[in-house]
Amino acid sequence: MAGLPVSRWQYDFEPAGDGCVVVESMWERRPAWFRVPTSTVTGVWNRDEANAANIATTLARLKRAVEASR
């Protein structure tokens, strides 16, 4: 399956006042028939919930890194 794009996450930074706003976007193109087999391999059954938790973690780490660099 190498080379077959099934998902993408993107973070865009937009100026806002003295700082910025980080906008996260993603898309997923796994066909329904492919979701159960990949869930068996990855162990992630509720992809939406897992993605939301991972995105929140990424944004919190980004915020800490930026604030620590000031």
PDB file of N, CA and C in Angstrom:
ATOM      1  N   MET A   1       0.823  -1.203   0.000  1.00  0.00           N
ATOM      2  CA  MET A   1       0.000   0.000   0.000  1.00  0.00           C
ATOM      3  C   MET A   1       0.862   1.261   0.000  1.00  0.00           C
ATOM      4  N   ALA A   2       2.168   1.106  -0.083  1.00  0.00           N
ATOM      5  CA  ALA A   2       3.041   2.279  -0.096  1.00  0.00           C
ATOM      6  C   ALA A   2       2.666   3.203  -1.241  1.00  0.00           C
ATOM      7  N   GLY A   3       2.661   4.474  -0.955  1.00  0.00           N
ATOM      8  CA  GLY A   3       2.360   5.449  -1.987  1.00  0.00           C
ATOM      9  C   GLY A   3       0.881   5.752  -2.154  1.00  0.00           C
ATOM     10  N   LEU A   4       0.020   5.039  -1.439  1.00  0.00           N
ATOM     11  CA  LEU A   4      -1.420   5.283  -1.528  1.00  0.00           C
ATOM     12  C   LEU A   4      -1.822   6.231  -0.402  1.00  0.00           C
ATOM     13  N   PRO A   5      -2.123   7.487  -0.725  1.00  0.00           N
ATOM     14  CA  PRO A   5      -2.489   8.429   0.350  1.00  0.00           C
ATOM     15  C   PRO A   5      -3.867   8.092   0.916  1.00  0.00           C
ATOM     16  N   VAL A   6      -3.922   7.842   2.214  1.00  0.00           N
ATOM     17  CA  VAL A   6      -5.194   7.531   2.854  1.00  0.00           C
ATOM     18  C   VAL A   6      -5.618   8.602   3.854  1.00  0.00           C
ATOM     19  N   SER A   7      -4.665   9.444   4.279  1.00  0.00           N
ATOM     20  CA  SER A   7      -5.027  10.523   5.184  1.00  0.00           C
ATOM     21  C   SER A   7      -3.947  11.595   5.163  1.00  0.00           C
ATOM     22  N   ARG A   8      -4.345  12.767   5.616  1.00  0.00           N
ATOM     23  CA  ARG A   8      -3.397  13.875   5.686  1.00  0.00           C
ATOM     24  C   ARG A   8      -3.830  14.836   6.778  1.00  0.00           C
ATOM     25  N   TRP A   9      -2.838  15.283   7.566  1.00  0.00           N
ATOM     26  CA  TRP A   9      -3.064  16.318   8.565  1.00  0.00           C
ATOM     27  C   TRP A   9      -2.244  17.528   8.170  1.00  0.00           C
ATOM     28  N   GLN A  10      -2.800  18.705   8.440  1.00  0.00           N
ATOM     29  CA  GLN A  10      -2.104  19.934   8.080  1.00  0.00           C
ATOM     30  C   GLN A  10      -2.360  20.968   9.164  1.00  0.00           C
ATOM     31  N   TYR A  11      -1.324  21.718   9.502  1.00  0.00           N
ATOM     32  CA  TYR A  11      -1.437  22.815  10.461  1.00  0.00           C
ATOM     33  C   TYR A  11      -1.049  24.103   9.754  1.00  0.00           C
ATOM     34  N   ASP A  12      -1.963  25.058   9.725  1.00  0.00           N
ATOM     35  CA  ASP A  12      -1.704  26.362   9.121  1.00  0.00           C
ATOM     36  C   ASP A  12      -1.657  27.398  10.237  1.00  0.00           C
ATOM     37  N   PHE A  13      -0.723  28.335  10.115  1.00  0.00           N
ATOM     38  CA  PHE A  13      -0.535  29.386  11.106  1.00  0.00           C
ATOM     39  C   PHE A  13      -0.998  30.704  10.511  1.00  0.00           C
ATOM     40  N   GLU A  14      -1.885  31.395  11.240  1.00  0.00           N
ATOM     41  CA  GLU A  14      -2.423  32.670  10.782  1.00  0.00           C
ATOM     42  C   GLU A  14      -2.138  33.733  11.836  1.00  0.00           C
ATOM     43  N   PRO A  15      -1.637  34.910  11.413  1.00  0.00           N
ATOM     44  CA  PRO A  15      -1.370  35.981  12.374  1.00  0.00           C
ATOM     45  C   PRO A  15      -2.647  36.405  13.098  1.00  0.00           C
ATOM     46  N   ALA A  16      -2.501  36.720  14.387  1.00  0.00           N
ATOM     47  CA  ALA A  16      -3.632  37.197  15.188  1.00  0.00           C
ATOM     48  C   ALA A  16      -3.088  38.046  16.327  1.00  0.00           C
ATOM     49  N   GLY A  17      -3.258  39.363  16.208  1.00  0.00           N
ATOM     50  CA  GLY A  17      -2.771  40.250  17.253  1.00  0.00           C
ATOM     51  C   GLY A  17      -1.271  40.109  17.429  1.00  0.00           C
ATOM     52  N   ASP A  18      -0.845  39.866  18.679  1.00  0.00           N
ATOM     53  CA  ASP A  18       0.581  39.694  18.986  1.00  0.00           C
ATOM     54  C   ASP A  18       1.043  38.244  18.805  1.00  0.00           C
ATOM     55  N   GLY A  19       0.138  37.370  18.388  1.00  0.00           N
ATOM     56  CA  GLY A  19       0.485  35.961  18.264  1.00  0.00           C
ATOM     57  C   GLY A  19      -0.045  35.374  16.965  1.00  0.00           C
ATOM     58  N   CYS A  20      -0.579  34.189  17.080  1.00  0.00           N
ATOM     59  CA  CYS A  20      -1.122  33.533  15.898  1.00  0.00           C
ATOM     60  C   CYS A  20      -2.219  32.555  16.302  1.00  0.00           C
ATOM     61  N   VAL A  21      -2.947  32.126  15.310  1.00  0.00           N
ATOM     62  CA  VAL A  21      -3.953  31.084  15.465  1.00  0.00           C
ATOM     63  C   VAL A  21      -3.474  29.897  14.647  1.00  0.00           C
ATOM     64  N   VAL A  22      -3.557  28.706  15.236  1.00  0.00           N
ATOM     65  CA  VAL A  22      -3.180  27.491  14.518  1.00  0.00           C
ATOM     66  C   VAL A  22      -4.465  26.799  14.089  1.00  0.00           C
ATOM     67  N   VAL A  23      -4.566  26.535  12.795  1.00  0.00           N
ATOM     68  CA  VAL A  23      -5.752  25.880  12.249  1.00  0.00           C
ATOM     69  C   VAL A  23      -5.344  24.489  11.780  1.00  0.00           C
ATOM     70  N   GLU A  24      -5.991  23.474  12.350  1.00  0.00           N
ATOM     71  CA  GLU A  24      -5.714  22.089  11.980  1.00  0.00           C
ATOM     72  C   GLU A  24      -6.772  21.617  11.003  1.00  0.00           C
ATOM     73  N   SER A  25      -6.341  20.907   9.967  1.00  0.00           N
ATOM     74  CA  SER A  25      -7.289  20.300   9.038  1.00  0.00           C
ATOM     75  C   SER A  25      -6.780  18.927   8.651  1.00  0.00           C
ATOM     76  N   MET A  26      -7.697  18.076   8.240  1.00  0.00           N
ATOM     77  CA  MET A  26      -7.309  16.738   7.820  1.00  0.00           C
ATOM     78  C   MET A  26      -8.334  16.170   6.864  1.00  0.00           C
ATOM     79  N   TRP A  27      -7.913  15.149   6.155  1.00  0.00           N
ATOM     80  CA  TRP A  27      -8.860  14.357   5.368  1.00  0.00           C
ATOM     81  C   TRP A  27      -8.456  12.906   5.468  1.00  0.00           C
ATOM     82  N   GLU A  28      -9.433  12.037   5.335  1.00  0.00           N
ATOM     83  CA  GLU A  28      -9.205  10.601   5.364  1.00  0.00           C
ATOM     84  C   GLU A  28      -9.936   9.992   4.176  1.00  0.00           C
ATOM     85  N   ARG A  29      -9.236   9.159   3.444  1.00  0.00           N
ATOM     86  CA  ARG A  29      -9.823   8.555   2.252  1.00  0.00           C
ATOM     87  C   ARG A  29      -9.813   7.031   2.293  1.00  0.00           C
ATOM     88  N   ARG A  30      -9.726   6.460   3.493  1.00  0.00           N
ATOM     89  CA  ARG A  30      -9.792   4.998   3.567  1.00  0.00           C
ATOM     90  C   ARG A  30     -11.204   4.561   3.211  1.00  0.00           C
ATOM     91  N   PRO A  31     -11.343   3.643   2.266  1.00  0.00           N
ATOM     92  CA  PRO A  31     -12.686   3.128   1.978  1.00  0.00           C
ATOM     93  C   PRO A  31     -13.205   2.334   3.176  1.00  0.00           C
ATOM     94  N   ALA A  32     -14.514   2.258   3.313  1.00  0.00           N
ATOM     95  CA  ALA A  32     -15.128   1.573   4.459  1.00  0.00           C
ATOM     96  C   ALA A  32     -14.639   0.139   4.593  1.00  0.00           C
ATOM     97  N   TRP A  33     -14.466  -0.565   3.495  1.00  0.00           N
ATOM     98  CA  TRP A  33     -14.034  -1.965   3.559  1.00  0.00           C
ATOM     99  C   TRP A  33     -12.606  -2.102   4.089  1.00  0.00           C
ATOM    100  N   PHE A  34     -11.828  -1.015   4.054  1.00  0.00           N
ATOM    101  CA  PHE A  34     -10.433  -1.054   4.475  1.00  0.00           C
ATOM    102  C   PHE A  34     -10.261  -0.674   5.942  1.00  0.00           C
ATOM    103  N   ARG A  35     -11.296  -0.128   6.554  1.00  0.00           N
ATOM    104  CA  ARG A  35     -11.166   0.385   7.922  1.00  0.00           C
ATOM    105  C   ARG A  35     -11.032  -0.716   8.963  1.00  0.00           C
ATOM    106  N   VAL A  36     -11.813  -1.769   8.866  1.00  0.00           N
ATOM    107  CA  VAL A  36     -11.725  -2.838   9.863  1.00  0.00           C
ATOM    108  C   VAL A  36     -10.382  -3.557   9.794  1.00  0.00           C
ATOM    109  N   PRO A  37      -9.888  -3.959   8.600  1.00  0.00           N
ATOM    110  CA  PRO A  37      -8.571  -4.611   8.590  1.00  0.00           C
ATOM    111  C   PRO A  37      -7.457  -3.731   9.151  1.00  0.00           C
ATOM    112  N   THR A  38      -7.454  -2.438   8.841  1.00  0.00           N
ATOM    113  CA  THR A  38      -6.382  -1.585   9.357  1.00  0.00           C
ATOM    114  C   THR A  38      -6.558  -1.349  10.854  1.00  0.00           C
ATOM    115  N   SER A  39      -7.791  -1.331  11.344  1.00  0.00           N
ATOM    116  CA  SER A  39      -8.018  -1.188  12.779  1.00  0.00           C
ATOM    117  C   SER A  39      -7.470  -2.384  13.529  1.00  0.00           C
ATOM    118  N   THR A  40      -7.578  -3.562  12.922  1.00  0.00           N
ATOM    119  CA  THR A  40      -7.028  -4.772  13.531  1.00  0.00           C
ATOM    120  C   THR A  40      -5.516  -4.663  13.646  1.00  0.00           C
ATOM    121  N   VAL A  41      -4.876  -4.109  12.635  1.00  0.00           N
ATOM    122  CA  VAL A  41      -3.418  -3.971  12.630  1.00  0.00           C
ATOM    123  C   VAL A  41      -2.956  -2.878  13.583  1.00  0.00           C
ATOM    124  N   THR A  42      -3.613  -1.719  13.539  1.00  0.00           N
ATOM    125  CA  THR A  42      -3.163  -0.577  14.346  1.00  0.00           C
ATOM    126  C   THR A  42      -3.683  -0.608  15.774  1.00  0.00           C
ATOM    127  N   GLY A  43      -4.779  -1.306  16.014  1.00  0.00           N
ATOM    128  CA  GLY A  43      -5.389  -1.333  17.341  1.00  0.00           C
ATOM    129  C   GLY A  43      -6.255  -0.120  17.627  1.00  0.00           C
ATOM    130  N   VAL A  44      -6.477   0.725  16.629  1.00  0.00           N
ATOM    131  CA  VAL A  44      -7.310   1.919  16.797  1.00  0.00           C
ATOM    132  C   VAL A  44      -8.671   1.646  16.155  1.00  0.00           C
ATOM    133  N   TRP A  45      -9.682   1.456  17.003  1.00  0.00           N
ATOM    134  CA  TRP A  45     -11.013   1.121  16.487  1.00  0.00           C
ATOM    135  C   TRP A  45     -11.872   2.358  16.282  1.00  0.00           C
ATOM    136  N   ASN A  46     -11.736   3.350  17.149  1.00  0.00           N
ATOM    137  CA  ASN A  46     -12.505   4.583  16.993  1.00  0.00           C
ATOM    138  C   ASN A  46     -11.540   5.659  16.506  1.00  0.00           C
ATOM    139  N   ARG A  47     -11.344   5.718  15.204  1.00  0.00           N
ATOM    140  CA  ARG A  47     -10.358   6.618  14.599  1.00  0.00           C
ATOM    141  C   ARG A  47     -10.683   8.079  14.891  1.00  0.00           C
ATOM    142  N   ASP A  48     -11.959   8.474  14.817  1.00  0.00           N
ATOM    143  CA  ASP A  48     -12.319   9.875  15.075  1.00  0.00           C
ATOM    144  C   ASP A  48     -11.931  10.294  16.490  1.00  0.00           C
ATOM    145  N   GLU A  49     -12.217   9.434  17.460  1.00  0.00           N
ATOM    146  CA  GLU A  49     -11.882   9.750  18.856  1.00  0.00           C
ATOM    147  C   GLU A  49     -10.370   9.796  19.047  1.00  0.00           C
ATOM    148  N   ALA A  50      -9.660   8.841  18.481  1.00  0.00           N
ATOM    149  CA  ALA A  50      -8.200   8.807  18.599  1.00  0.00           C
ATOM    150  C   ALA A  50      -7.579  10.026  17.933  1.00  0.00           C
ATOM    151  N   ASN A  51      -8.072  10.384  16.759  1.00  0.00           N
ATOM    152  CA  ASN A  51      -7.542  11.554  16.058  1.00  0.00           C
ATOM    153  C   ASN A  51      -7.760  12.821  16.870  1.00  0.00           C
ATOM    154  N   ALA A  52      -8.952  12.987  17.430  1.00  0.00           N
ATOM    155  CA  ALA A  52      -9.248  14.185  18.225  1.00  0.00           C
ATOM    156  C   ALA A  52      -8.297  14.279  19.420  1.00  0.00           C
ATOM    157  N   ALA A  53      -8.042  13.155  20.088  1.00  0.00           N
ATOM    158  CA  ALA A  53      -7.127  13.157  21.241  1.00  0.00           C
ATOM    159  C   ALA A  53      -5.704  13.473  20.795  1.00  0.00           C
ATOM    160  N   ASN A  54      -5.268  12.890  19.693  1.00  0.00           N
ATOM    161  CA  ASN A  54      -3.912  13.145  19.201  1.00  0.00           C
ATOM    162  C   ASN A  54      -3.732  14.583  18.733  1.00  0.00           C
ATOM    163  N   ILE A  55      -4.742  15.144  18.098  1.00  0.00           N
ATOM    164  CA  ILE A  55      -4.681  16.533  17.653  1.00  0.00           C
ATOM    165  C   ILE A  55      -4.582  17.460  18.868  1.00  0.00           C
ATOM    166  N   ALA A  56      -5.391  17.203  19.896  1.00  0.00           N
ATOM    167  CA  ALA A  56      -5.348  18.026  21.112  1.00  0.00           C
ATOM    168  C   ALA A  56      -3.968  17.956  21.759  1.00  0.00           C
ATOM    169  N   THR A  57      -3.378  16.774  21.787  1.00  0.00           N
ATOM    170  CA  THR A  57      -2.033  16.614  22.348  1.00  0.00           C
ATOM    171  C   THR A  57      -1.011  17.392  21.539  1.00  0.00           C
ATOM    172  N   THR A  58      -1.088  17.296  20.215  1.00  0.00           N
ATOM    173  CA  THR A  58      -0.156  18.010  19.347  1.00  0.00           C
ATOM    174  C   THR A  58      -0.263  19.517  19.547  1.00  0.00           C
ATOM    175  N   LEU A  59      -1.488  20.041  19.587  1.00  0.00           N
ATOM    176  CA  LEU A  59      -1.672  21.483  19.760  1.00  0.00           C
ATOM    177  C   LEU A  59      -1.194  21.943  21.141  1.00  0.00           C
ATOM    178  N   ALA A  60      -1.420  21.148  22.175  1.00  0.00           N
ATOM    179  CA  ALA A  60      -0.944  21.517  23.518  1.00  0.00           C
ATOM    180  C   ALA A  60       0.584  21.545  23.557  1.00  0.00           C
ATOM    181  N   ARG A  61       1.226  20.577  22.922  1.00  0.00           N
ATOM    182  CA  ARG A  61       2.695  20.564  22.881  1.00  0.00           C
ATOM    183  C   ARG A  61       3.229  21.739  22.079  1.00  0.00           C
ATOM    184  N   LEU A  62       2.572  22.057  20.984  1.00  0.00           N
ATOM    185  CA  LEU A  62       2.976  23.204  20.171  1.00  0.00           C
ATOM    186  C   LEU A  62       2.871  24.492  20.983  1.00  0.00           C
ATOM    187  N   LYS A  63       1.778  24.645  21.701  1.00  0.00           N
ATOM    188  CA  LYS A  63       1.561  25.837  22.540  1.00  0.00           C
ATOM    189  C   LYS A  63       2.664  25.951  23.597  1.00  0.00           C
ATOM    190  N   ARG A  64       2.981  24.850  24.275  1.00  0.00           N
ATOM    191  CA  ARG A  64       4.039  24.881  25.288  1.00  0.00           C
ATOM    192  C   ARG A  64       5.387  25.247  24.691  1.00  0.00           C
ATOM    193  N   ALA A  65       5.692  24.697  23.522  1.00  0.00           N
ATOM    194  CA  ALA A  65       6.982  24.985  22.876  1.00  0.00           C
ATOM    195  C   ALA A  65       7.081  26.448  22.479  1.00  0.00           C
ATOM    196  N   VAL A  66       6.026  26.991  21.932  1.00  0.00           N
ATOM    197  CA  VAL A  66       6.041  28.393  21.508  1.00  0.00           C
ATOM    198  C   VAL A  66       6.139  29.315  22.727  1.00  0.00           C
ATOM    199  N   GLU A  67       5.364  29.034  23.741  1.00  0.00           N
ATOM    200  CA  GLU A  67       5.390  29.892  24.933  1.00  0.00           C
ATOM    201  C   GLU A  67       6.731  29.791  25.652  1.00  0.00           C
ATOM    202  N   ALA A  68       7.369  28.645  25.639  1.00  0.00           N
ATOM    203  CA  ALA A  68       8.673  28.488  26.281  1.00  0.00           C
ATOM    204  C   ALA A  68       9.767  29.223  25.528  1.00  0.00           C
ATOM    205  N   SER A  69       9.576  29.466  24.240  1.00  0.00           N
ATOM    206  CA  SER A  69      10.597  30.127  23.440  1.00  0.00           C
ATOM    207  C   SER A  69      10.522  31.653  23.523  1.00  0.00           C
ATOM    208  N   ARG A  70       9.513  32.172  24.189  1.00  0.00           N
ATOM    209  CA  ARG A  70       9.356  33.638  24.282  1.00  0.00           C
ATOM    210  C   ARG A  70      10.291  34.233  25.292  1.00  0.00           C
TER     211      ARG A  70
END
